[in-house]
Amino acid sequence: MNAIKIILLIALSIFLAVQFMSFKSTSSVEEYQYDVLEEIDGIEIRNYKKALFTKVELSSNKYEKISGTGFRVLAGYIFGGNDASEEISMTSPVVVEMQESKTMMFMVPNDRKLKSLPQPNNDNISFVELPSRKMAAIRFGGWANQKKINTHINELKEILEINKIEHKGNFSFFGYNPPYEVFSRRNEVLVELIN
């Protein structure tokens, strides 16, 4: 019985150490920059700065099916799957545009410019520069799935409608944590606002 307790204690210690190291590494990752303009009924109105992204179009319309595939494609590029075999720093969040056809995007670090980026080995990867834009965001925890995303899209729509705030209907999901990170998970649903 003592051996089982010792094994469980060691396993718990390893798990907590991995979570701590994961938290430290993700807290130092460059994030998509924004200013909070106001908070209304549990949502934030934000102004995002312009940013350059790598992106890949995905065929499925369900988050669970595209999350792993899209991540592997884009991670392949930043971990050296390019014509220079160059590694590019990971950024946060991973962005999924929740339109009829889904697009996953990684932000390019701010110190990199389009003309200096290596070309992807995968022809499905392209680049897009998003302009400065005003967005509404609602946050939720845990692991994301299509049902949770849809619930928060509907909640965000309702709050915006109640407050007579017009939006463009182009909802996105922002995921901030790697899948193995258990504590303090941060997910958001956002939509671009009109004006």
N, C-alpha and C. Protein backbone atom coordinates (compact mmCIF):
# COMPACT_ATOMS: atom_id res chain seq x y z
N MET A 1 0.82 -1.20 0.00
CA MET A 1 0.00 0.00 0.00
C MET A 1 0.87 1.27 0.00
N ASN A 2 1.97 1.25 0.77
CA ASN A 2 2.87 2.40 0.80
C ASN A 2 3.49 2.66 -0.56
N ALA A 3 3.80 1.60 -1.30
CA ALA A 3 4.39 1.74 -2.64
C ALA A 3 3.43 2.46 -3.58
N ILE A 4 2.14 2.15 -3.49
CA ILE A 4 1.12 2.80 -4.33
C ILE A 4 1.04 4.29 -3.99
N LYS A 5 1.08 4.61 -2.69
CA LYS A 5 1.03 6.01 -2.27
C LYS A 5 2.25 6.77 -2.80
N ILE A 6 3.41 6.14 -2.73
CA ILE A 6 4.64 6.79 -3.21
C ILE A 6 4.56 7.03 -4.72
N ILE A 7 4.08 6.02 -5.46
CA ILE A 7 3.94 6.15 -6.92
C ILE A 7 2.96 7.27 -7.26
N LEU A 8 1.82 7.32 -6.54
CA LEU A 8 0.83 8.38 -6.79
C LEU A 8 1.41 9.75 -6.46
N LEU A 9 2.18 9.85 -5.39
CA LEU A 9 2.80 11.12 -5.00
C LEU A 9 3.81 11.57 -6.05
N ILE A 10 4.59 10.64 -6.56
CA ILE A 10 5.57 10.97 -7.61
C ILE A 10 4.84 11.42 -8.88
N ALA A 11 3.78 10.69 -9.25
CA ALA A 11 3.00 11.05 -10.46
C ALA A 11 2.39 12.43 -10.30
N LEU A 12 1.84 12.72 -9.12
CA LEU A 12 1.25 14.03 -8.87
C LEU A 12 2.31 15.12 -8.94
N SER A 13 3.48 14.86 -8.38
CA SER A 13 4.58 15.83 -8.41
C SER A 13 5.02 16.12 -9.84
N ILE A 14 5.12 15.08 -10.67
CA ILE A 14 5.50 15.26 -12.08
C ILE A 14 4.44 16.07 -12.81
N PHE A 15 3.16 15.71 -12.59
CA PHE A 15 2.06 16.43 -13.23
C PHE A 15 2.10 17.91 -12.88
N LEU A 16 2.26 18.23 -11.60
CA LEU A 16 2.29 19.63 -11.16
C LEU A 16 3.51 20.36 -11.72
N ALA A 17 4.64 19.67 -11.80
CA ALA A 17 5.85 20.29 -12.37
C ALA A 17 5.64 20.62 -13.85
N VAL A 18 5.02 19.69 -14.58
CA VAL A 18 4.73 19.92 -16.01
C VAL A 18 3.78 21.10 -16.17
N GLN A 19 2.76 21.18 -15.33
CA GLN A 19 1.80 22.28 -15.40
C GLN A 19 2.47 23.62 -15.09
N PHE A 20 3.37 23.63 -14.11
CA PHE A 20 4.07 24.86 -13.75
C PHE A 20 4.98 25.30 -14.89
N MET A 21 5.73 24.36 -15.46
CA MET A 21 6.63 24.72 -16.58
C MET A 21 5.83 25.18 -17.79
N SER A 22 4.69 24.54 -18.05
CA SER A 22 3.83 24.93 -19.16
C SER A 22 3.30 26.34 -18.95
N PHE A 23 2.86 26.64 -17.73
CA PHE A 23 2.34 27.98 -17.43
C PHE A 23 3.43 29.03 -17.63
N LYS A 24 4.64 28.73 -17.15
CA LYS A 24 5.75 29.70 -17.30
C LYS A 24 6.09 29.92 -18.76
N SER A 25 6.09 28.84 -19.56
CA SER A 25 6.46 29.00 -20.98
C SER A 25 5.37 29.71 -21.77
N THR A 26 4.09 29.42 -21.49
CA THR A 26 3.02 30.08 -22.25
C THR A 26 2.82 31.53 -21.80
N SER A 27 3.17 31.86 -20.55
CA SER A 27 3.01 33.24 -20.10
C SER A 27 4.04 34.17 -20.74
N SER A 28 5.10 33.60 -21.32
CA SER A 28 6.12 34.43 -21.97
C SER A 28 5.93 34.50 -23.49
N VAL A 29 4.89 33.86 -24.02
CA VAL A 29 4.63 33.84 -25.46
C VAL A 29 4.01 35.17 -25.89
N GLU A 30 4.46 35.68 -27.02
CA GLU A 30 3.91 36.94 -27.55
C GLU A 30 2.44 36.77 -27.91
N GLU A 31 1.61 37.75 -27.51
CA GLU A 31 0.17 37.68 -27.77
C GLU A 31 -0.28 38.77 -28.74
N TYR A 32 -1.38 38.48 -29.41
CA TYR A 32 -2.07 39.41 -30.30
C TYR A 32 -2.48 40.62 -29.44
N GLN A 33 -1.99 41.80 -29.80
CA GLN A 33 -2.13 43.00 -28.96
C GLN A 33 -3.48 43.69 -29.12
N TYR A 34 -4.06 44.09 -27.98
CA TYR A 34 -5.32 44.84 -28.01
C TYR A 34 -5.41 45.74 -26.79
N ASP A 35 -6.27 46.74 -26.89
CA ASP A 35 -6.62 47.60 -25.76
C ASP A 35 -8.08 47.36 -25.43
N VAL A 36 -8.41 47.25 -24.15
CA VAL A 36 -9.80 47.11 -23.73
C VAL A 36 -10.41 48.51 -23.69
N LEU A 37 -11.47 48.72 -24.48
CA LEU A 37 -12.14 50.02 -24.54
C LEU A 37 -13.22 50.13 -23.47
N GLU A 38 -13.96 49.03 -23.26
CA GLU A 38 -14.97 49.01 -22.20
C GLU A 38 -15.42 47.59 -21.92
N GLU A 39 -16.06 47.41 -20.76
CA GLU A 39 -16.64 46.13 -20.38
C GLU A 39 -18.15 46.32 -20.23
N ILE A 40 -18.91 45.40 -20.85
CA ILE A 40 -20.38 45.49 -20.81
C ILE A 40 -20.94 44.09 -20.56
N ASP A 41 -21.66 43.91 -19.49
CA ASP A 41 -22.37 42.65 -19.21
C ASP A 41 -21.49 41.41 -19.38
N GLY A 42 -20.26 41.47 -18.90
CA GLY A 42 -19.38 40.30 -18.95
C GLY A 42 -18.61 40.13 -20.25
N ILE A 43 -18.72 41.06 -21.18
CA ILE A 43 -17.91 41.00 -22.40
C ILE A 43 -16.98 42.21 -22.44
N GLU A 44 -15.93 42.10 -23.24
CA GLU A 44 -15.01 43.22 -23.43
C GLU A 44 -15.12 43.73 -24.86
N ILE A 45 -15.10 45.05 -24.99
CA ILE A 45 -14.98 45.69 -26.30
C ILE A 45 -13.51 46.06 -26.43
N ARG A 46 -12.87 45.54 -27.47
CA ARG A 46 -11.42 45.69 -27.62
C ARG A 46 -11.07 46.33 -28.96
N ASN A 47 -9.93 46.99 -28.97
CA ASN A 47 -9.36 47.48 -30.22
C ASN A 47 -8.07 46.70 -30.46
N TYR A 48 -8.08 45.85 -31.50
CA TYR A 48 -6.90 45.04 -31.83
C TYR A 48 -6.00 45.81 -32.78
N LYS A 49 -4.70 45.66 -32.57
CA LYS A 49 -3.72 46.29 -33.45
C LYS A 49 -3.59 45.45 -34.71
N LYS A 50 -3.12 46.03 -35.80
CA LYS A 50 -2.95 45.25 -37.02
C LYS A 50 -1.87 44.20 -36.79
N ALA A 51 -2.01 43.08 -37.46
CA ALA A 51 -1.07 41.97 -37.27
C ALA A 51 -1.04 41.09 -38.51
N LEU A 52 0.08 40.43 -38.70
CA LEU A 52 0.28 39.50 -39.81
C LEU A 52 0.08 38.07 -39.29
N PHE A 53 -0.60 37.24 -40.07
CA PHE A 53 -0.89 35.86 -39.68
C PHE A 53 -0.51 34.88 -40.78
N THR A 54 -0.12 33.67 -40.38
CA THR A 54 -0.09 32.53 -41.30
C THR A 54 -1.47 31.90 -41.19
N LYS A 55 -1.96 31.33 -42.29
CA LYS A 55 -3.31 30.74 -42.21
C LYS A 55 -3.41 29.52 -43.10
N VAL A 56 -4.38 28.68 -42.75
CA VAL A 56 -4.68 27.50 -43.56
C VAL A 56 -6.20 27.33 -43.57
N GLU A 57 -6.74 27.10 -44.77
CA GLU A 57 -8.19 26.82 -44.93
C GLU A 57 -8.42 25.35 -44.63
N LEU A 58 -9.51 25.07 -43.92
CA LEU A 58 -9.81 23.69 -43.52
C LEU A 58 -11.17 23.27 -44.05
N SER A 59 -11.29 21.99 -44.39
CA SER A 59 -12.49 21.54 -45.09
C SER A 59 -13.68 21.28 -44.18
N SER A 60 -13.44 20.81 -42.96
CA SER A 60 -14.56 20.50 -42.07
C SER A 60 -15.11 21.79 -41.45
N ASN A 61 -16.34 21.74 -40.97
CA ASN A 61 -16.89 22.91 -40.30
C ASN A 61 -17.06 22.67 -38.81
N LYS A 62 -16.46 21.61 -38.28
CA LYS A 62 -16.58 21.28 -36.85
C LYS A 62 -15.22 21.47 -36.18
N TYR A 63 -15.21 22.22 -35.09
CA TYR A 63 -13.97 22.56 -34.39
C TYR A 63 -13.15 21.32 -34.03
N GLU A 64 -13.79 20.28 -33.49
CA GLU A 64 -13.06 19.09 -33.07
C GLU A 64 -12.28 18.46 -34.21
N LYS A 65 -12.82 18.51 -35.42
CA LYS A 65 -12.16 17.88 -36.58
C LYS A 65 -11.01 18.73 -37.11
N ILE A 66 -11.14 20.05 -37.02
CA ILE A 66 -10.12 20.90 -37.64
C ILE A 66 -9.01 21.32 -36.70
N SER A 67 -9.25 21.28 -35.39
CA SER A 67 -8.26 21.84 -34.46
C SER A 67 -6.91 21.14 -34.56
N GLY A 68 -6.90 19.83 -34.54
CA GLY A 68 -5.63 19.10 -34.63
C GLY A 68 -4.98 19.23 -35.99
N THR A 69 -5.78 19.09 -37.05
CA THR A 69 -5.24 19.16 -38.41
C THR A 69 -4.64 20.52 -38.70
N GLY A 70 -5.40 21.57 -38.42
CA GLY A 70 -4.91 22.93 -38.69
C GLY A 70 -3.67 23.25 -37.88
N PHE A 71 -3.68 22.84 -36.60
CA PHE A 71 -2.53 23.12 -35.75
C PHE A 71 -1.27 22.45 -36.28
N ARG A 72 -1.40 21.17 -36.69
CA ARG A 72 -0.23 20.45 -37.20
C ARG A 72 0.34 21.12 -38.46
N VAL A 73 -0.54 21.57 -39.35
CA VAL A 73 -0.08 22.21 -40.59
C VAL A 73 0.69 23.49 -40.28
N LEU A 74 0.10 24.37 -39.45
CA LEU A 74 0.74 25.65 -39.15
C LEU A 74 1.98 25.47 -38.26
N ALA A 75 1.91 24.53 -37.31
CA ALA A 75 3.07 24.26 -36.46
C ALA A 75 4.23 23.72 -37.30
N GLY A 76 3.90 22.92 -38.31
CA GLY A 76 4.94 22.41 -39.20
C GLY A 76 5.73 23.55 -39.84
N TYR A 77 5.03 24.59 -40.27
CA TYR A 77 5.69 25.75 -40.88
C TYR A 77 6.60 26.46 -39.87
N ILE A 78 6.09 26.76 -38.67
CA ILE A 78 6.91 27.55 -37.73
C ILE A 78 8.03 26.72 -37.10
N PHE A 79 7.92 25.39 -37.13
CA PHE A 79 8.98 24.55 -36.57
C PHE A 79 9.98 24.11 -37.64
N GLY A 80 10.00 24.82 -38.78
CA GLY A 80 11.04 24.58 -39.78
C GLY A 80 10.56 24.04 -41.10
N GLY A 81 9.26 23.86 -41.28
CA GLY A 81 8.73 23.36 -42.55
C GLY A 81 8.60 24.47 -43.57
N ASN A 82 9.75 25.07 -43.90
CA ASN A 82 9.77 26.19 -44.86
C ASN A 82 11.06 26.14 -45.67
N ASP A 83 11.16 26.97 -46.68
CA ASP A 83 12.30 26.88 -47.61
C ASP A 83 13.64 27.26 -46.98
N ALA A 84 13.62 27.82 -45.77
CA ALA A 84 14.87 28.15 -45.08
C ALA A 84 15.12 27.21 -43.89
N SER A 85 14.23 26.25 -43.69
CA SER A 85 14.28 25.36 -42.51
C SER A 85 14.45 26.17 -41.23
N GLU A 86 13.78 27.31 -41.19
CA GLU A 86 13.92 28.26 -40.09
C GLU A 86 12.78 28.10 -39.09
N GLU A 87 13.12 28.16 -37.80
CA GLU A 87 12.08 28.12 -36.78
C GLU A 87 11.60 29.54 -36.48
N ILE A 88 10.30 29.67 -36.30
CA ILE A 88 9.67 30.96 -36.01
C ILE A 88 8.96 30.81 -34.66
N SER A 89 9.07 31.82 -33.83
CA SER A 89 8.50 31.75 -32.48
C SER A 89 6.99 31.52 -32.51
N MET A 90 6.52 30.71 -31.56
CA MET A 90 5.09 30.50 -31.37
C MET A 90 4.49 31.76 -30.76
N THR A 91 3.26 32.06 -31.13
CA THR A 91 2.53 33.19 -30.56
C THR A 91 1.18 32.70 -30.05
N SER A 92 0.43 33.60 -29.46
CA SER A 92 -0.87 33.24 -28.92
C SER A 92 -1.84 34.38 -29.19
N PRO A 93 -3.09 34.10 -29.41
CA PRO A 93 -3.76 32.80 -29.41
C PRO A 93 -3.71 32.14 -30.79
N VAL A 94 -4.15 30.88 -30.82
CA VAL A 94 -4.48 30.22 -32.09
C VAL A 94 -5.87 30.72 -32.45
N VAL A 95 -6.03 31.21 -33.68
CA VAL A 95 -7.29 31.82 -34.11
C VAL A 95 -7.99 30.89 -35.10
N VAL A 96 -9.28 30.64 -34.87
CA VAL A 96 -10.09 29.89 -35.83
C VAL A 96 -11.26 30.78 -36.24
N GLU A 97 -11.31 31.13 -37.51
CA GLU A 97 -12.45 31.90 -38.02
C GLU A 97 -13.60 30.94 -38.22
N MET A 98 -14.73 31.24 -37.58
CA MET A 98 -15.86 30.31 -37.51
C MET A 98 -16.91 30.58 -38.59
N GLN A 99 -16.46 30.81 -39.81
CA GLN A 99 -17.40 31.04 -40.92
C GLN A 99 -17.80 29.67 -41.49
N GLU A 100 -18.50 29.70 -42.62
CA GLU A 100 -18.94 28.43 -43.24
C GLU A 100 -17.74 27.52 -43.50
N SER A 101 -16.68 28.08 -44.11
CA SER A 101 -15.43 27.33 -44.23
C SER A 101 -14.49 27.88 -43.16
N LYS A 102 -13.86 27.00 -42.42
CA LYS A 102 -13.04 27.40 -41.29
C LYS A 102 -11.61 27.71 -41.73
N THR A 103 -11.03 28.68 -41.06
CA THR A 103 -9.63 29.06 -41.29
C THR A 103 -8.93 29.09 -39.94
N MET A 104 -7.77 28.44 -39.85
CA MET A 104 -6.97 28.53 -38.62
C MET A 104 -5.78 29.43 -38.91
N MET A 105 -5.41 30.26 -37.91
CA MET A 105 -4.32 31.20 -38.10
C MET A 105 -3.41 31.26 -36.88
N PHE A 106 -2.11 31.45 -37.14
CA PHE A 106 -1.12 31.76 -36.11
C PHE A 106 -0.62 33.17 -36.41
N MET A 107 -0.52 34.01 -35.40
CA MET A 107 0.05 35.34 -35.60
C MET A 107 1.56 35.22 -35.81
N VAL A 108 2.07 36.02 -36.74
CA VAL A 108 3.51 36.10 -36.98
C VAL A 108 4.08 37.06 -35.92
N PRO A 109 5.21 36.72 -35.30
CA PRO A 109 5.78 37.64 -34.31
C PRO A 109 5.94 39.05 -34.87
N ASN A 110 5.73 40.06 -34.03
CA ASN A 110 5.75 41.46 -34.47
C ASN A 110 7.07 41.90 -35.07
N ASP A 111 8.16 41.25 -34.70
CA ASP A 111 9.46 41.67 -35.25
C ASP A 111 9.74 41.10 -36.64
N ARG A 112 8.78 40.34 -37.18
CA ARG A 112 8.94 39.75 -38.51
C ARG A 112 8.04 40.46 -39.50
N LYS A 113 8.55 40.66 -40.71
CA LYS A 113 7.79 41.29 -41.79
C LYS A 113 7.56 40.26 -42.89
N LEU A 114 6.50 40.45 -43.66
CA LEU A 114 6.13 39.49 -44.70
C LEU A 114 7.27 39.21 -45.67
N LYS A 115 7.99 40.25 -46.12
CA LYS A 115 9.04 40.05 -47.13
C LYS A 115 10.23 39.26 -46.59
N SER A 116 10.39 39.21 -45.25
CA SER A 116 11.52 38.47 -44.69
C SER A 116 11.15 37.06 -44.22
N LEU A 117 9.87 36.69 -44.36
CA LEU A 117 9.45 35.37 -43.90
C LEU A 117 9.81 34.29 -44.93
N PRO A 118 10.26 33.13 -44.45
CA PRO A 118 10.51 32.03 -45.39
C PRO A 118 9.20 31.51 -45.97
N GLN A 119 9.27 30.96 -47.15
CA GLN A 119 8.08 30.43 -47.80
C GLN A 119 7.73 29.05 -47.24
N PRO A 120 6.45 28.79 -46.99
CA PRO A 120 6.05 27.48 -46.45
C PRO A 120 6.31 26.35 -47.46
N ASN A 121 6.68 25.19 -46.94
CA ASN A 121 6.79 24.00 -47.78
C ASN A 121 5.41 23.48 -48.16
N ASN A 122 4.42 23.76 -47.34
CA ASN A 122 3.04 23.32 -47.57
C ASN A 122 2.30 24.41 -48.34
N ASP A 123 1.82 24.08 -49.55
CA ASP A 123 1.13 25.06 -50.41
C ASP A 123 -0.19 25.54 -49.84
N ASN A 124 -0.73 24.85 -48.83
CA ASN A 124 -2.01 25.26 -48.24
C ASN A 124 -1.87 26.42 -47.27
N ILE A 125 -0.64 26.77 -46.92
CA ILE A 125 -0.39 27.87 -45.99
C ILE A 125 -0.21 29.17 -46.77
N SER A 126 -0.87 30.21 -46.30
CA SER A 126 -0.70 31.54 -46.91
C SER A 126 -0.60 32.56 -45.79
N PHE A 127 -0.45 33.83 -46.17
CA PHE A 127 -0.31 34.91 -45.20
C PHE A 127 -1.43 35.91 -45.39
N VAL A 128 -1.85 36.52 -44.28
CA VAL A 128 -2.86 37.57 -44.34
C VAL A 128 -2.53 38.62 -43.28
N GLU A 129 -2.63 39.89 -43.67
CA GLU A 129 -2.45 40.95 -42.69
C GLU A 129 -3.82 41.48 -42.31
N LEU A 130 -4.14 41.38 -41.02
CA LEU A 130 -5.42 41.88 -40.52
C LEU A 130 -5.24 43.31 -40.04
N PRO A 131 -6.13 44.21 -40.47
CA PRO A 131 -6.00 45.61 -40.05
C PRO A 131 -6.40 45.78 -38.59
N SER A 132 -6.13 46.95 -38.06
CA SER A 132 -6.64 47.30 -36.74
C SER A 132 -8.16 47.17 -36.78
N ARG A 133 -8.76 46.59 -35.75
CA ARG A 133 -10.21 46.40 -35.77
C ARG A 133 -10.78 46.36 -34.36
N LYS A 134 -12.03 46.74 -34.27
CA LYS A 134 -12.74 46.77 -32.99
C LYS A 134 -13.54 45.48 -32.87
N MET A 135 -13.38 44.77 -31.74
CA MET A 135 -14.02 43.48 -31.58
C MET A 135 -14.64 43.36 -30.19
N ALA A 136 -15.68 42.54 -30.10
CA ALA A 136 -16.28 42.19 -28.82
C ALA A 136 -15.83 40.77 -28.49
N ALA A 137 -15.50 40.54 -27.20
CA ALA A 137 -14.98 39.24 -26.78
C ALA A 137 -15.70 38.73 -25.54
N ILE A 138 -15.96 37.42 -25.54
CA ILE A 138 -16.50 36.76 -24.36
C ILE A 138 -15.58 35.59 -24.04
N ARG A 139 -15.27 35.40 -22.77
CA ARG A 139 -14.28 34.41 -22.35
C ARG A 139 -14.94 33.21 -21.69
N PHE A 140 -14.31 32.03 -21.86
CA PHE A 140 -14.74 30.83 -21.12
C PHE A 140 -13.54 29.94 -20.88
N GLY A 141 -13.65 29.05 -19.89
CA GLY A 141 -12.55 28.18 -19.51
C GLY A 141 -12.71 26.76 -20.01
N GLY A 142 -11.85 25.89 -19.52
CA GLY A 142 -11.90 24.47 -19.88
C GLY A 142 -11.39 24.20 -21.28
N TRP A 143 -11.69 23.02 -21.79
CA TRP A 143 -11.31 22.65 -23.15
C TRP A 143 -12.44 23.03 -24.10
N ALA A 144 -12.08 23.61 -25.22
CA ALA A 144 -13.09 24.07 -26.18
C ALA A 144 -13.60 22.91 -27.02
N ASN A 145 -14.87 23.01 -27.41
CA ASN A 145 -15.45 22.13 -28.41
C ASN A 145 -16.52 22.93 -29.15
N GLN A 146 -17.06 22.36 -30.21
CA GLN A 146 -18.01 23.10 -31.04
C GLN A 146 -19.25 23.53 -30.26
N LYS A 147 -19.71 22.67 -29.36
CA LYS A 147 -20.91 23.00 -28.58
C LYS A 147 -20.66 24.22 -27.70
N LYS A 148 -19.52 24.24 -26.98
CA LYS A 148 -19.19 25.39 -26.13
C LYS A 148 -19.01 26.67 -26.95
N ILE A 149 -18.34 26.53 -28.10
CA ILE A 149 -18.12 27.69 -28.96
C ILE A 149 -19.47 28.25 -29.42
N ASN A 150 -20.36 27.37 -29.89
CA ASN A 150 -21.69 27.82 -30.34
C ASN A 150 -22.47 28.49 -29.21
N THR A 151 -22.40 27.93 -28.00
CA THR A 151 -23.08 28.52 -26.84
C THR A 151 -22.59 29.94 -26.60
N HIS A 152 -21.28 30.14 -26.70
CA HIS A 152 -20.72 31.47 -26.44
C HIS A 152 -20.92 32.43 -27.61
N ILE A 153 -21.01 31.91 -28.81
CA ILE A 153 -21.39 32.76 -29.95
C ILE A 153 -22.80 33.31 -29.70
N ASN A 154 -23.72 32.42 -29.32
CA ASN A 154 -25.10 32.85 -29.06
C ASN A 154 -25.20 33.82 -27.89
N GLU A 155 -24.42 33.57 -26.85
CA GLU A 155 -24.43 34.48 -25.69
C GLU A 155 -23.88 35.85 -26.07
N LEU A 156 -22.80 35.85 -26.85
CA LEU A 156 -22.21 37.12 -27.30
C LEU A 156 -23.20 37.89 -28.18
N LYS A 157 -23.85 37.18 -29.11
CA LYS A 157 -24.86 37.81 -29.97
C LYS A 157 -25.96 38.46 -29.13
N GLU A 158 -26.43 37.73 -28.13
CA GLU A 158 -27.53 38.23 -27.29
C GLU A 158 -27.12 39.49 -26.52
N ILE A 159 -25.92 39.48 -25.94
CA ILE A 159 -25.45 40.65 -25.19
C ILE A 159 -25.30 41.85 -26.11
N LEU A 160 -24.78 41.63 -27.31
CA LEU A 160 -24.61 42.73 -28.26
C LEU A 160 -25.97 43.27 -28.70
N GLU A 161 -26.91 42.36 -28.93
CA GLU A 161 -28.26 42.79 -29.35
C GLU A 161 -28.94 43.61 -28.25
N ILE A 162 -28.87 43.13 -27.01
CA ILE A 162 -29.47 43.84 -25.89
C ILE A 162 -28.89 45.25 -25.76
N ASN A 163 -27.57 45.37 -26.00
CA ASN A 163 -26.90 46.66 -25.86
C ASN A 163 -26.85 47.45 -27.17
N LYS A 164 -27.59 46.96 -28.19
CA LYS A 164 -27.69 47.65 -29.48
C LYS A 164 -26.33 47.96 -30.09
N ILE A 165 -25.45 46.95 -30.03
CA ILE A 165 -24.12 47.06 -30.63
C ILE A 165 -24.11 46.21 -31.89
N GLU A 166 -23.84 46.85 -33.03
CA GLU A 166 -23.87 46.13 -34.31
C GLU A 166 -22.54 45.42 -34.57
N HIS A 167 -22.65 44.24 -35.16
CA HIS A 167 -21.45 43.47 -35.49
C HIS A 167 -21.54 42.94 -36.92
N LYS A 168 -20.40 42.43 -37.41
CA LYS A 168 -20.32 41.96 -38.80
C LYS A 168 -20.68 40.48 -38.96
N GLY A 169 -20.89 39.77 -37.86
CA GLY A 169 -21.27 38.37 -37.95
C GLY A 169 -20.10 37.43 -38.25
N ASN A 170 -18.88 37.95 -38.25
CA ASN A 170 -17.70 37.13 -38.55
C ASN A 170 -17.04 36.66 -37.25
N PHE A 171 -17.62 35.64 -36.64
CA PHE A 171 -17.17 35.15 -35.34
C PHE A 171 -15.87 34.36 -35.46
N SER A 172 -15.04 34.49 -34.43
CA SER A 172 -13.77 33.77 -34.36
C SER A 172 -13.63 33.15 -32.98
N PHE A 173 -12.88 32.06 -32.93
CA PHE A 173 -12.51 31.43 -31.66
C PHE A 173 -11.03 31.69 -31.43
N PHE A 174 -10.67 32.13 -30.23
CA PHE A 174 -9.27 32.32 -29.85
C PHE A 174 -8.95 31.34 -28.73
N GLY A 175 -7.95 30.48 -28.93
CA GLY A 175 -7.51 29.53 -27.91
C GLY A 175 -6.10 29.86 -27.47
N TYR A 176 -5.89 29.99 -26.17
CA TYR A 176 -4.62 30.49 -25.64
C TYR A 176 -3.70 29.43 -25.05
N ASN A 177 -4.18 28.23 -24.79
CA ASN A 177 -3.38 27.23 -24.07
C ASN A 177 -3.09 26.01 -24.91
N PRO A 178 -1.91 25.39 -24.69
CA PRO A 178 -1.66 24.09 -25.32
C PRO A 178 -2.59 23.04 -24.71
N PRO A 179 -2.87 21.96 -25.43
CA PRO A 179 -3.85 20.97 -24.95
C PRO A 179 -3.47 20.29 -23.63
N TYR A 180 -2.17 20.20 -23.32
CA TYR A 180 -1.75 19.53 -22.09
C TYR A 180 -1.81 20.43 -20.87
N GLU A 181 -2.11 21.72 -21.05
CA GLU A 181 -2.21 22.63 -19.92
C GLU A 181 -3.60 22.50 -19.30
N VAL A 182 -3.67 22.22 -18.01
CA VAL A 182 -4.94 21.90 -17.35
C VAL A 182 -5.54 23.11 -16.64
N PHE A 183 -4.71 23.88 -15.95
CA PHE A 183 -5.21 24.96 -15.12
C PHE A 183 -5.30 26.28 -15.87
N SER A 184 -6.23 27.12 -15.47
CA SER A 184 -6.39 28.49 -16.00
C SER A 184 -6.48 28.53 -17.52
N ARG A 185 -7.26 27.63 -18.08
CA ARG A 185 -7.41 27.62 -19.53
C ARG A 185 -8.23 28.83 -19.97
N ARG A 186 -7.81 29.45 -21.07
CA ARG A 186 -8.47 30.67 -21.56
C ARG A 186 -8.90 30.46 -23.01
N ASN A 187 -10.19 30.59 -23.22
CA ASN A 187 -10.78 30.53 -24.56
C ASN A 187 -11.67 31.75 -24.73
N GLU A 188 -11.79 32.21 -25.97
CA GLU A 188 -12.64 33.37 -26.23
C GLU A 188 -13.37 33.21 -27.57
N VAL A 189 -14.55 33.79 -27.63
CA VAL A 189 -15.26 33.95 -28.89
C VAL A 189 -15.32 35.45 -29.13
N LEU A 190 -14.99 35.85 -30.36
CA LEU A 190 -14.98 37.27 -30.72
C LEU A 190 -15.73 37.52 -32.00
N VAL A 191 -16.16 38.77 -32.17
CA VAL A 191 -16.79 39.19 -33.42
C VAL A 191 -16.38 40.63 -33.68
N GLU A 192 -16.17 40.95 -34.95
CA GLU A 192 -15.81 42.31 -35.32
C GLU A 192 -17.04 43.22 -35.27
N LEU A 193 -16.85 44.40 -34.72
CA LEU A 193 -17.95 45.33 -34.57
C LEU A 193 -17.99 46.33 -35.72
N ILE A 194 -19.17 46.89 -35.96
CA ILE A 194 -19.35 47.94 -36.97
C ILE A 194 -19.14 49.27 -36.24
N ASN A 195 -18.20 50.04 -36.73
CA ASN A 195 -17.76 51.34 -36.13
C ASN A 195 -16.89 51.12 -34.96
